[in-house]
C-alpha atoms as a PDB file:
ATOM      1  CA  MET A   1      77.060  65.313  93.371  1.00  0.00           C
ATOM      2  CA  GLY A   2      76.943  68.541  95.356  1.00  0.00           C
ATOM      3  CA  LYS A   3      77.844  68.921  99.031  1.00  0.00           C
ATOM      4  CA  LEU A   4      74.313  69.107  99.887  1.00  0.00           C
ATOM      5  CA  GLU A   5      72.381  66.967  97.323  1.00  0.00           C
ATOM      6  CA  ASN A   6      68.819  66.105  98.287  1.00  0.00           C
ATOM      7  CA  ARG A   7      68.920  68.030 101.480  1.00  0.00           C
ATOM      8  CA  ILE A   8      66.306  70.374 102.653  1.00  0.00           C
ATOM      9  CA  ALA A   9      67.612  73.744 104.100  1.00  0.00           C
ATOM     10  CA  VAL A  10      65.604  76.850 105.644  1.00  0.00           C
ATOM     11  CA  ILE A  11      67.488  80.058 105.377  1.00  0.00           C
ATOM     12  CA  THR A  12      65.827  82.871 107.201  1.00  0.00           C
ATOM     13  CA  GLY A  13      66.567  86.620 106.008  1.00  0.00           C
ATOM     14  CA  GLY A  14      66.913  84.586 102.897  1.00  0.00           C
ATOM     15  CA  GLY A  15      65.871  87.620 100.618  1.00  0.00           C
ATOM     16  CA  SER A  16      69.334  89.732 100.770  1.00  0.00           C
ATOM     17  CA  GLY A  17      72.927  89.574 101.566  1.00  0.00           C
ATOM     18  CA  ILE A  18      74.657  86.615 103.245  1.00  0.00           C
ATOM     19  CA  GLY A  19      71.176  84.831 103.485  1.00  0.00           C
ATOM     20  CA  GLU A  20      70.677  85.258  99.360  1.00  0.00           C
ATOM     21  CA  ALA A  21      74.270  84.388  98.824  1.00  0.00           C
ATOM     22  CA  THR A  22      73.563  81.062 100.596  1.00  0.00           C
ATOM     23  CA  ALA A  23      70.283  80.407  99.311  1.00  0.00           C
ATOM     24  CA  LYS A  24      71.888  80.624  95.950  1.00  0.00           C
ATOM     25  CA  LEU A  25      74.851  78.651  96.988  1.00  0.00           C
ATOM     26  CA  PHE A  26      72.927  75.664  98.825  1.00  0.00           C
ATOM     27  CA  ALA A  27      70.784  75.284  95.774  1.00  0.00           C
ATOM     28  CA  ALA A  28      73.937  75.266  93.302  1.00  0.00           C
ATOM     29  CA  GLU A  29      75.354  72.283  95.775  1.00  0.00           C
ATOM     30  CA  GLY A  30      71.972  70.308  95.209  1.00  0.00           C
ATOM     31  CA  ALA A  31      69.652  71.520  97.976  1.00  0.00           C
ATOM     32  CA  ARG A  32      66.020  72.420  98.016  1.00  0.00           C
ATOM     33  CA  VAL A  33      65.609  75.848  99.776  1.00  0.00           C
ATOM     34  CA  VAL A  34      63.046  77.726 101.665  1.00  0.00           C
ATOM     35  CA  ILE A  35      63.716  81.266 101.786  1.00  0.00           C
ATOM     36  CA  ALA A  36      62.159  82.696 105.009  1.00  0.00           C
ATOM     37  CA  ASP A  37      62.063  86.485 104.725  1.00  0.00           C
ATOM     38  CA  ILE A  38      59.491  89.417 105.946  1.00  0.00           C
ATOM     39  CA  ASP A  39      60.748  91.172 102.359  1.00  0.00           C
ATOM     40  CA  GLU A  40      58.299  89.461 100.114  1.00  0.00           C
ATOM     41  CA  LYS A  41      59.495  91.492  96.769  1.00  0.00           C
ATOM     42  CA  ASN A  42      63.191  90.397  97.623  1.00  0.00           C
ATOM     43  CA  GLY A  43      62.411  86.865  98.816  1.00  0.00           C
ATOM     44  CA  ASN A  44      60.241  86.038  95.573  1.00  0.00           C
ATOM     45  CA  ARG A  45      62.926  87.358  93.468  1.00  0.00           C
ATOM     46  CA  VAL A  46      65.873  85.082  95.148  1.00  0.00           C
ATOM     47  CA  ALA A  47      63.319  82.397  94.665  1.00  0.00           C
ATOM     48  CA  GLY A  48      62.905  83.010  91.352  1.00  0.00           C
ATOM     49  CA  GLU A  49      66.336  83.338  90.307  1.00  0.00           C
ATOM     50  CA  ILE A  50      67.074  79.806  91.895  1.00  0.00           C
ATOM     51  CA  GLY A  51      64.229  78.484  90.026  1.00  0.00           C
ATOM     52  CA  ALA A  52      62.601  75.090  91.101  1.00  0.00           C
ATOM     53  CA  PRO A  53      64.810  73.983  93.853  1.00  0.00           C
ATOM     54  CA  ALA A  54      63.654  77.246  96.077  1.00  0.00           C
ATOM     55  CA  VAL A  55      60.343  78.576  97.419  1.00  0.00           C
ATOM     56  CA  TYR A  56      59.882  81.698  99.604  1.00  0.00           C
ATOM     57  CA  ARG A  57      57.724  81.883 102.712  1.00  0.00           C
ATOM     58  CA  ASN A  58      56.739  84.952 104.075  1.00  0.00           C
ATOM     59  CA  THR A  59      58.058  84.618 107.755  1.00  0.00           C
ATOM     60  CA  ASP A  60      58.614  87.197 110.686  1.00  0.00           C
ATOM     61  CA  VAL A  61      61.026  85.350 113.011  1.00  0.00           C
ATOM     62  CA  SER A  62      60.188  87.569 116.156  1.00  0.00           C
ATOM     63  CA  ASP A  63      57.100  85.721 116.158  1.00  0.00           C
ATOM     64  CA  PRO A  64      57.119  82.212 117.294  1.00  0.00           C
ATOM     65  CA  ALA A  65      53.739  81.145 115.448  1.00  0.00           C
ATOM     66  CA  GLN A  66      55.428  82.192 112.210  1.00  0.00           C
ATOM     67  CA  VAL A  67      58.670  80.188 112.909  1.00  0.00           C
ATOM     68  CA  GLU A  68      56.555  77.218 114.242  1.00  0.00           C
ATOM     69  CA  ALA A  69      54.366  77.489 110.518  1.00  0.00           C
ATOM     70  CA  MET A  70      57.555  77.827 108.612  1.00  0.00           C
ATOM     71  CA  VAL A  71      58.914  74.598 109.957  1.00  0.00           C
ATOM     72  CA  LYS A  72      55.743  72.854 109.968  1.00  0.00           C
ATOM     73  CA  SER A  73      55.279  73.824 106.409  1.00  0.00           C
ATOM     74  CA  THR A  74      58.581  72.910 105.282  1.00  0.00           C
ATOM     75  CA  VAL A  75      58.506  69.227 106.613  1.00  0.00           C
ATOM     76  CA  GLU A  76      54.542  68.661 105.215  1.00  0.00           C
ATOM     77  CA  ARG A  77      55.956  69.400 101.793  1.00  0.00           C
ATOM     78  CA  PHE A  78      59.567  68.113 101.659  1.00  0.00           C
ATOM     79  CA  GLY A  79      58.929  65.565 104.351  1.00  0.00           C
ATOM     80  CA  ARG A  80      61.843  66.293 106.513  1.00  0.00           C
ATOM     81  CA  LEU A  81      63.991  69.436 107.679  1.00  0.00           C
ATOM     82  CA  HIS A  82      68.086  68.587 107.034  1.00  0.00           C
ATOM     83  CA  VAL A  83      69.407  72.304 107.574  1.00  0.00           C
ATOM     84  CA  LEU A  84      68.293  75.425 109.485  1.00  0.00           C
ATOM     85  CA  PHE A  85      70.426  78.513 108.817  1.00  0.00           C
ATOM     86  CA  ASN A  86      69.032  81.003 111.331  1.00  0.00           C
ATOM     87  CA  ASN A  87      70.290  84.505 109.612  1.00  0.00           C
ATOM     88  CA  ALA A  88      67.854  86.853 109.718  1.00  0.00           C
ATOM     89  CA  PHE A  89      68.333  90.003 112.102  1.00  0.00           C
ATOM     90  CA  ALA A  90      67.463  93.432 113.013  1.00  0.00           C
ATOM     91  CA  THR A  91      69.030  96.156 115.153  1.00  0.00           C
ATOM     92  CA  ARG A  92      68.837  99.448 116.429  1.00  0.00           C
ATOM     93  CA  MET A  93      71.780 101.877 117.132  1.00  0.00           C
ATOM     94  CA  GLY A  94      72.427 103.618 120.287  1.00  0.00           C
ATOM     95  CA  PRO A  95      74.407 104.045 123.138  1.00  0.00           C
ATOM     96  CA  VAL A  96      73.334 101.813 126.420  1.00  0.00           C
ATOM     97  CA  GLY A  97      72.143 104.890 128.168  1.00  0.00           C
ATOM     98  CA  GLU A  98      69.997 106.632 125.379  1.00  0.00           C
ATOM     99  CA  ILE A  99      68.793 103.549 123.055  1.00  0.00           C
ATOM    100  CA  SER A 100      65.186 103.476 123.165  1.00  0.00           C
ATOM    101  CA  ILE A 101      63.272 100.589 125.223  1.00  0.00           C
ATOM    102  CA  GLU A 102      61.483  99.687 121.987  1.00  0.00           C
ATOM    103  CA  ASP A 103      64.442  99.604 120.102  1.00  0.00           C
ATOM    104  CA  TRP A 104      66.327  97.363 122.608  1.00  0.00           C
ATOM    105  CA  HIS A 105      63.288  94.606 122.278  1.00  0.00           C
ATOM    106  CA  LYS A 106      63.075  95.159 118.748  1.00  0.00           C
ATOM    107  CA  THR A 107      66.765  94.324 118.373  1.00  0.00           C
ATOM    108  CA  ILE A 108      66.448  91.092 120.799  1.00  0.00           C
ATOM    109  CA  SER A 109      63.115  89.745 119.639  1.00  0.00           C
ATOM    110  CA  VAL A 110      64.535  89.318 116.205  1.00  0.00           C
ATOM    111  CA  THR A 111      68.411  88.948 116.517  1.00  0.00           C
ATOM    112  CA  LEU A 112      68.340  86.484 119.286  1.00  0.00           C
ATOM    113  CA  SER A 113      64.779  85.335 120.263  1.00  0.00           C
ATOM    114  CA  GLY A 114      64.361  84.685 116.331  1.00  0.00           C
ATOM    115  CA  VAL A 115      67.528  82.623 116.737  1.00  0.00           C
ATOM    116  CA  PHE A 116      65.673  80.676 119.766  1.00  0.00           C
ATOM    117  CA  TYR A 117      62.312  80.077 117.967  1.00  0.00           C
ATOM    118  CA  GLY A 118      64.149  78.342 114.898  1.00  0.00           C
ATOM    119  CA  MET A 119      66.215  76.145 116.798  1.00  0.00           C
ATOM    120  CA  ARG A 120      62.840  75.222 119.123  1.00  0.00           C
ATOM    121  CA  PHE A 121      60.669  74.119 116.421  1.00  0.00           C
ATOM    122  CA  ALA A 122      63.492  72.739 114.378  1.00  0.00           C
ATOM    123  CA  LEU A 123      65.182  70.587 116.861  1.00  0.00           C
ATOM    124  CA  PRO A 124      62.270  68.103 117.544  1.00  0.00           C
ATOM    125  CA  GLN A 125      61.895  67.420 114.165  1.00  0.00           C
ATOM    126  CA  MET A 126      65.612  66.666 113.569  1.00  0.00           C
ATOM    127  CA  VAL A 127      65.710  64.577 116.507  1.00  0.00           C
ATOM    128  CA  ALA A 128      62.640  62.940 115.341  1.00  0.00           C
ATOM    129  CA  GLN A 129      64.495  62.147 111.885  1.00  0.00           C
ATOM    130  CA  GLY A 130      67.835  61.070 113.487  1.00  0.00           C
ATOM    131  CA  GLY A 131      69.811  64.224 112.806  1.00  0.00           C
ATOM    132  CA  GLY A 132      70.346  67.551 111.097  1.00  0.00           C
ATOM    133  CA  VAL A 133      72.357  70.667 111.233  1.00  0.00           C
ATOM    134  CA  ILE A 134      71.598  74.031 112.425  1.00  0.00           C
ATOM    135  CA  VAL A 135      74.018  76.955 111.930  1.00  0.00           C
ATOM    136  CA  ASN A 136      73.616  80.518 113.421  1.00  0.00           C
ATOM    137  CA  THR A 137      74.715  83.751 112.316  1.00  0.00           C
ATOM    138  CA  ALA A 138      76.346  85.273 115.144  1.00  0.00           C
ATOM    139  CA  SER A 139      78.952  87.709 114.719  1.00  0.00           C
ATOM    140  CA  ILE A 140      82.230  89.630 116.032  1.00  0.00           C
ATOM    141  CA  SER A 141      79.886  91.856 117.549  1.00  0.00           C
ATOM    142  CA  GLY A 142      79.196  88.662 120.117  1.00  0.00           C
ATOM    143  CA  LEU A 143      82.607  88.016 120.941  1.00  0.00           C
ATOM    144  CA  GLY A 144      83.335  91.835 121.698  1.00  0.00           C
ATOM    145  CA  GLY A 145      81.883  95.333 122.068  1.00  0.00           C
ATOM    146  CA  ASP A 146      81.313  98.199 119.569  1.00  0.00           C
ATOM    147  CA  TYR A 147      80.273 101.583 120.202  1.00  0.00           C
ATOM    148  CA  GLY A 148      76.669 102.541 119.804  1.00  0.00           C
ATOM    149  CA  ALA A 149      75.775  98.964 119.456  1.00  0.00           C
ATOM    150  CA  GLY A 150      74.917  97.509 122.733  1.00  0.00           C
ATOM    151  CA  ALA A 151      71.583  96.147 121.778  1.00  0.00           C
ATOM    152  CA  TYR A 152      73.008  94.290 118.734  1.00  0.00           C
ATOM    153  CA  ASN A 153      76.131  92.993 120.998  1.00  0.00           C
ATOM    154  CA  ALA A 154      73.945  91.619 123.595  1.00  0.00           C
ATOM    155  CA  ALA A 155      71.956  89.823 120.839  1.00  0.00           C
ATOM    156  CA  LYS A 156      74.769  88.177 119.216  1.00  0.00           C
ATOM    157  CA  ALA A 157      76.347  87.372 122.422  1.00  0.00           C
ATOM    158  CA  GLY A 158      73.406  85.525 123.176  1.00  0.00           C
ATOM    159  CA  VAL A 159      73.300  83.826 119.861  1.00  0.00           C
ATOM    160  CA  VAL A 160      76.814  82.780 120.482  1.00  0.00           C
ATOM    161  CA  ASN A 161      76.128  80.882 123.972  1.00  0.00           C
ATOM    162  CA  LEU A 162      72.809  79.797 122.793  1.00  0.00           C
ATOM    163  CA  THR A 163      74.756  77.762 120.000  1.00  0.00           C
ATOM    164  CA  ARG A 164      77.093  76.307 122.191  1.00  0.00           C
ATOM    165  CA  SER A 165      74.503  75.108 124.736  1.00  0.00           C
ATOM    166  CA  ALA A 166      72.256  73.823 121.747  1.00  0.00           C
ATOM    167  CA  ALA A 167      75.395  72.113 120.554  1.00  0.00           C
ATOM    168  CA  ILE A 168      76.063  69.794 123.833  1.00  0.00           C
ATOM    169  CA  GLU A 169      72.535  69.027 124.345  1.00  0.00           C
ATOM    170  CA  TYR A 170      72.382  67.795 120.966  1.00  0.00           C
ATOM    171  CA  ALA A 171      75.245  66.169 119.804  1.00  0.00           C
ATOM    172  CA  ARG A 172      74.320  62.542 120.790  1.00  0.00           C
ATOM    173  CA  LYS A 173      71.191  63.094 118.754  1.00  0.00           C
ATOM    174  CA  ASN A 174      73.399  63.282 115.585  1.00  0.00           C
ATOM    175  CA  ILE A 175      72.712  67.418 115.129  1.00  0.00           C
ATOM    176  CA  ARG A 176      75.324  69.741 114.996  1.00  0.00           C
ATOM    177  CA  VAL A 177      75.267  73.154 115.960  1.00  0.00           C
ATOM    178  CA  ASN A 178      77.484  75.996 114.909  1.00  0.00           C
ATOM    179  CA  ALA A 179      77.790  79.485 114.208  1.00  0.00           C
ATOM    180  CA  VAL A 180      79.424  82.311 111.596  1.00  0.00           C
ATOM    181  CA  CYS A 181      80.961  85.259 113.273  1.00  0.00           C
ATOM    182  CA  PRO A 182      81.435  87.573 110.321  1.00  0.00           C
ATOM    183  CA  GLY A 183      83.281  91.099 110.547  1.00  0.00           C
ATOM    184  CA  MET A 184      81.376  93.784 108.519  1.00  0.00           C
ATOM    185  CA  VAL A 185      79.913  92.503 105.447  1.00  0.00           C
ATOM    186  CA  GLU A 186      78.834  94.546 102.381  1.00  0.00           C
ATOM    187  CA  THR A 187      75.153  93.792 102.741  1.00  0.00           C
ATOM    188  CA  PRO A 188      71.984  96.123 102.258  1.00  0.00           C
ATOM    189  CA  ALA A 189      71.066  95.446 106.041  1.00  0.00           C
ATOM    190  CA  VAL A 190      74.411  96.220 107.419  1.00  0.00           C
ATOM    191  CA  LEU A 191      75.191  98.989 104.837  1.00  0.00           C
ATOM    192  CA  ASN A 192      72.138 100.857 105.576  1.00  0.00           C
ATOM    193  CA  THR A 193      72.005 100.394 109.488  1.00  0.00           C
ATOM    194  CA  PHE A 194      75.698 100.613 110.502  1.00  0.00           C
ATOM    195  CA  ILE A 195      77.011 102.861 108.124  1.00  0.00           C
ATOM    196  CA  GLY A 196      73.876 104.481 106.502  1.00  0.00           C
ATOM    197  CA  GLN A 197      72.509 105.935 109.718  1.00  0.00           C
ATOM    198  CA  SER A 198      75.740 107.574 110.703  1.00  0.00           C
ATOM    199  CA  ARG A 199      76.174 111.598 110.371  1.00  0.00           C
ATOM    200  CA  ASN A 200      78.954 110.726 107.531  1.00  0.00           C
ATOM    201  CA  PRO A 201      78.357 107.524 105.903  1.00  0.00           C
ATOM    202  CA  GLU A 202      81.469 107.778 103.633  1.00  0.00           C
ATOM    203  CA  ARG A 203      84.061 108.375 106.275  1.00  0.00           C
ATOM    204  CA  VAL A 204      82.328 105.214 108.431  1.00  0.00           C
ATOM    205  CA  ARG A 205      82.548 103.270 105.627  1.00  0.00           C
ATOM    206  CA  LYS A 206      86.207 104.290 105.222  1.00  0.00           C
ATOM    207  CA  LEU A 207      87.202 103.276 108.948  1.00  0.00           C
ATOM    208  CA  ASN A 208      85.168 100.143 108.911  1.00  0.00           C
ATOM    209  CA  GLU A 209      87.508  98.956 105.705  1.00  0.00           C
ATOM    210  CA  GLU A 210      90.364 100.051 107.461  1.00  0.00           C
ATOM    211  CA  CYS A 211      89.859  98.257 110.559  1.00  0.00           C
ATOM    212  CA  HIS A 212      89.855  95.279 108.232  1.00  0.00           C
ATOM    213  CA  PRO A 213      93.609  93.921 108.326  1.00  0.00           C
ATOM    214  CA  ILE A 214      92.612  92.452 104.718  1.00  0.00           C
ATOM    215  CA  GLY A 215      91.544  95.865 103.843  1.00  0.00           C
ATOM    216  CA  ARG A 216      87.885  95.795 102.958  1.00  0.00           C
ATOM    217  CA  MET A 217      84.876  94.284 104.188  1.00  0.00           C
ATOM    218  CA  GLY A 218      83.815  90.936 103.579  1.00  0.00           C
ATOM    219  CA  LYS A 219      81.493  90.057 100.678  1.00  0.00           C
ATOM    220  CA  PRO A 220      78.120  87.909 101.282  1.00  0.00           C
ATOM    221  CA  GLU A 221      79.575  85.182  98.919  1.00  0.00           C
ATOM    222  CA  GLU A 222      82.617  84.750 101.569  1.00  0.00           C
ATOM    223  CA  ILE A 223      80.315  84.254 104.514  1.00  0.00           C
ATOM    224  CA  ALA A 224      78.035  81.842 102.656  1.00  0.00           C
ATOM    225  CA  LYS A 225      81.068  79.353 101.870  1.00  0.00           C
ATOM    226  CA  VAL A 226      81.821  79.112 105.419  1.00  0.00           C
ATOM    227  CA  VAL A 227      78.093  78.375 106.117  1.00  0.00           C
ATOM    228  CA  LEU A 228      78.313  75.620 103.472  1.00  0.00           C
ATOM    229  CA  PHE A 229      81.227  74.193 105.411  1.00  0.00           C
ATOM    230  CA  LEU A 230      79.278  74.106 108.376  1.00  0.00           C
ATOM    231  CA  ALA A 231      76.314  72.610 106.848  1.00  0.00           C
ATOM    232  CA  SER A 232      78.060  70.129 104.753  1.00  0.00           C
ATOM    233  CA  ASP A 233      79.445  66.595 105.762  1.00  0.00           C
ATOM    234  CA  ASP A 234      82.811  68.352 105.625  1.00  0.00           C
ATOM    235  CA  ALA A 235      82.291  69.534 109.198  1.00  0.00           C
ATOM    236  CA  SER A 236      81.279  66.220 110.222  1.00  0.00           C
ATOM    237  CA  PHE A 237      83.498  66.532 113.750  1.00  0.00           C
ATOM    238  CA  VAL A 238      82.360  70.220 114.283  1.00  0.00           C
ATOM    239  CA  THR A 239      79.874  71.115 116.648  1.00  0.00           C
ATOM    240  CA  GLY A 240      79.806  74.228 119.131  1.00  0.00           C
ATOM    241  CA  SER A 241      81.946  76.145 117.123  1.00  0.00           C
ATOM    242  CA  MET A 242      82.130  79.871 116.167  1.00  0.00           C
ATOM    243  CA  TYR A 243      83.685  80.209 112.929  1.00  0.00           C
ATOM    244  CA  VAL A 244      85.350  83.844 112.434  1.00  0.00           C
ATOM    245  CA  ALA A 245      85.345  85.359 109.226  1.00  0.00           C
ATOM    246  CA  ASP A 246      86.350  88.763 109.686  1.00  0.00           C
ATOM    247  CA  GLY A 247      89.346  89.903 107.472  1.00  0.00           C
ATOM    248  CA  GLY A 248      91.644  89.450 110.651  1.00  0.00           C
ATOM    249  CA  VAL A 249      89.751  92.247 112.788  1.00  0.00           C
ATOM    250  CA  THR A 250      89.739  90.071 115.799  1.00  0.00           C
ATOM    251  CA  ALA A 251      93.456  89.030 115.402  1.00  0.00           C
ATOM    252  CA  HIS A 252      94.120  92.943 115.857  1.00  0.00           C
ATOM    253  CA  THR A 253      94.389  94.177 119.903  1.00  0.00           C
ATOM    254  CA  GLY A 254      93.590  97.642 118.484  1.00  0.00           C
ATOM    255  CA  LEU A 255      96.229  99.100 120.514  1.00  0.00           C
ATOM    256  CA  THR A 256      98.743  99.855 118.088  1.00  0.00           C
ATOM    257  CA  GLY A 257      98.056 102.310 114.978  1.00  0.00           C
ATOM    258  CA  HIS A 258      97.437 101.083 111.367  1.00  0.00           C
ATOM    259  CA  PRO A 259     100.578 100.239 109.446  1.00  0.00           C
ATOM    260  CA  LEU A 260      99.503 102.557 106.536  1.00  0.00           C
ATOM    261  CA  ARG A 261      99.005 105.960 108.591  1.00  0.00           C
END
């Protein structure tokens, strides 16, 4: 048997990157997977590649009505909701004194409020059925600051403490809530946002690779394995935790140079 045999999982942002890798891994471990994403083409592609254990649902996580409908339809179709992986994000770059109000709200509405909406509507169902698991995608950018990413830093820091609050509130309800905090991961969204929008993408990519002591950026499949652990019974005593998977970035103070320079 797989680690998620006969369990029902919802994955937001499941049409690419970490969400796609996690959907495929969950399905391989026996779960039925609902892939929630605004990208209809890729959402259907991932569901098609997985096959019968997966279905796609178009969902904008910044809209609470759509998130509520996503949870409701999942329960109506499958009877339960065992795992919610709040993974969708959006961000706009810019220094705090320059980023537009619109870009700030866009970042917060998807990256932070979308996580809250997912938990807000999943938790009552999980309480009613006697338990469940929630995993949120935070970031090491929620544990420290980055140049030009104040909105993203604020949103991910919010995810970190929202995760902690939900974990202690629902621990006695047999519901575990944790977050994974990746470093830079080679996903389409990350590469387009943090690297593709820079003036010199190749240089920025090289710098991002070098800042990881392991010597490279992460791969979606590597983060998916951490999410699987947190979602499975292997993590039965783990709640309120921020699992860092960053190739060693946060182990370094940044005060001394790179050994290869």
